[in-house]
């Protein structure tokens, strides 16, 4: 039952990050434009235009990995907590 409940949370997590992709994409492009000097501006913008979507998807996968890792650790901690309770009652 634990994972059945969390599938909705995982789906919502992925959906919320995908909805933020355009905002993140253009925000990074603007930030690169402000921080780059004139000699490197065009190559950096072209790099971001070409590889930005892949970087966003990679970051989504990394965030999802850490989210799932937290969910798995929570279950392990719950089992460890139950073992401690059983030991305390002995």
Protein backbone atom coordinates (compact mmCIF):
# COMPACT_ATOMS: atom_id res chain seq x y z
CA UNK A 1 0.00 0.00 0.00
CA UNK A 2 2.96 2.29 0.63
CA UNK A 3 3.96 2.48 -3.03
CA UNK A 4 0.38 2.66 -4.30
CA UNK A 5 -0.07 5.91 -2.40
CA UNK A 6 3.25 7.30 -3.52
CA UNK A 7 2.71 6.68 -7.24
CA UNK A 8 0.39 9.69 -7.27
CA UNK A 9 3.03 11.78 -5.51
CA UNK A 10 5.69 10.62 -7.96
CA UNK A 11 3.46 11.43 -10.92
CA UNK A 12 2.69 14.87 -9.44
CA UNK A 13 6.41 15.48 -8.83
CA UNK A 14 7.28 14.67 -12.46
CA UNK A 15 4.39 16.76 -13.76
CA UNK A 16 5.32 19.78 -11.65
CA UNK A 17 8.93 19.66 -12.86
CA UNK A 18 7.91 19.26 -16.50
CA UNK A 19 5.61 22.26 -16.18
CA UNK A 20 8.56 24.28 -14.87
CA UNK A 21 10.86 23.30 -17.78
CA UNK A 22 10.04 26.32 -20.00
CA UNK A 23 10.52 28.75 -17.11
CA UNK A 24 13.84 27.17 -16.14
CA UNK A 25 14.99 27.00 -19.77
CA UNK A 26 14.43 30.68 -20.48
CA UNK A 27 15.60 31.80 -17.03
CA UNK A 28 18.96 30.07 -17.53
CA UNK A 29 19.23 31.55 -21.04
CA UNK A 30 18.67 35.05 -19.67
CA UNK A 31 21.13 34.46 -16.83
CA UNK A 32 23.79 33.24 -19.27
CA UNK A 33 23.15 36.34 -21.36
CA UNK A 34 23.67 38.66 -18.40
CA UNK A 35 26.76 36.92 -17.02
CA UNK A 36 28.65 36.15 -20.24
CA UNK A 37 31.02 38.60 -21.86
CA UNK A 38 30.47 39.57 -25.49
CA UNK A 39 33.08 37.17 -26.90
CA UNK A 40 31.50 34.10 -25.34
CA UNK A 41 27.84 35.11 -25.44
CA UNK A 42 26.88 33.57 -28.79
CA UNK A 43 28.61 30.17 -28.21
CA UNK A 44 27.08 29.85 -24.74
CA UNK A 45 23.58 30.74 -25.97
CA UNK A 46 23.92 28.26 -28.87
CA UNK A 47 25.15 25.59 -26.44
CA UNK A 48 22.18 26.19 -24.13
CA UNK A 49 19.68 26.20 -27.02
CA UNK A 50 21.01 22.85 -28.28
CA UNK A 51 21.72 21.04 -25.02
CA UNK A 52 19.43 22.82 -22.54
CA UNK A 53 16.48 20.45 -22.96
CA UNK A 54 18.73 17.44 -22.38
CA UNK A 55 20.19 19.06 -19.28
CA UNK A 56 16.66 19.74 -17.99
CA UNK A 57 15.67 16.10 -18.54
CA UNK A 58 18.89 14.94 -16.84
CA UNK A 59 18.12 17.14 -13.84
CA UNK A 60 14.57 15.74 -13.73
CA UNK A 61 15.99 12.21 -13.63
CA UNK A 62 18.45 13.20 -10.89
CA UNK A 63 15.71 14.89 -8.81
CA UNK A 64 13.44 11.88 -9.27
CA UNK A 65 16.25 9.56 -8.16
CA UNK A 66 16.74 11.52 -4.94
CA UNK A 67 12.96 11.69 -4.37
CA UNK A 68 12.66 7.92 -4.72
CA UNK A 69 15.72 7.42 -2.53
CA UNK A 70 14.06 9.47 0.21
CA UNK A 71 10.88 7.40 -0.11
CA UNK A 72 12.85 4.16 0.13
CA UNK A 73 14.87 5.39 3.11
CA UNK A 74 11.70 6.36 4.90
CA UNK A 75 10.42 2.80 4.67
CA UNK A 76 13.75 1.45 5.96
CA UNK A 77 13.69 3.87 8.89
CA UNK A 78 10.13 2.83 9.71
CA UNK A 79 11.18 -0.83 9.87
CA UNK A 80 14.19 0.10 11.99
CA UNK A 81 11.92 2.10 14.31
CA UNK A 82 9.58 -0.90 14.69
CA UNK A 83 12.55 -3.13 15.57
CA UNK A 84 13.64 -0.65 18.24
CA UNK A 85 10.13 -0.58 19.69
CA UNK A 86 10.05 -4.40 19.85
CA UNK A 87 13.41 -4.43 21.61
CA UNK A 88 12.21 -1.82 24.12
CA UNK A 89 9.19 -3.92 25.07
CA UNK A 90 11.31 -7.01 25.79
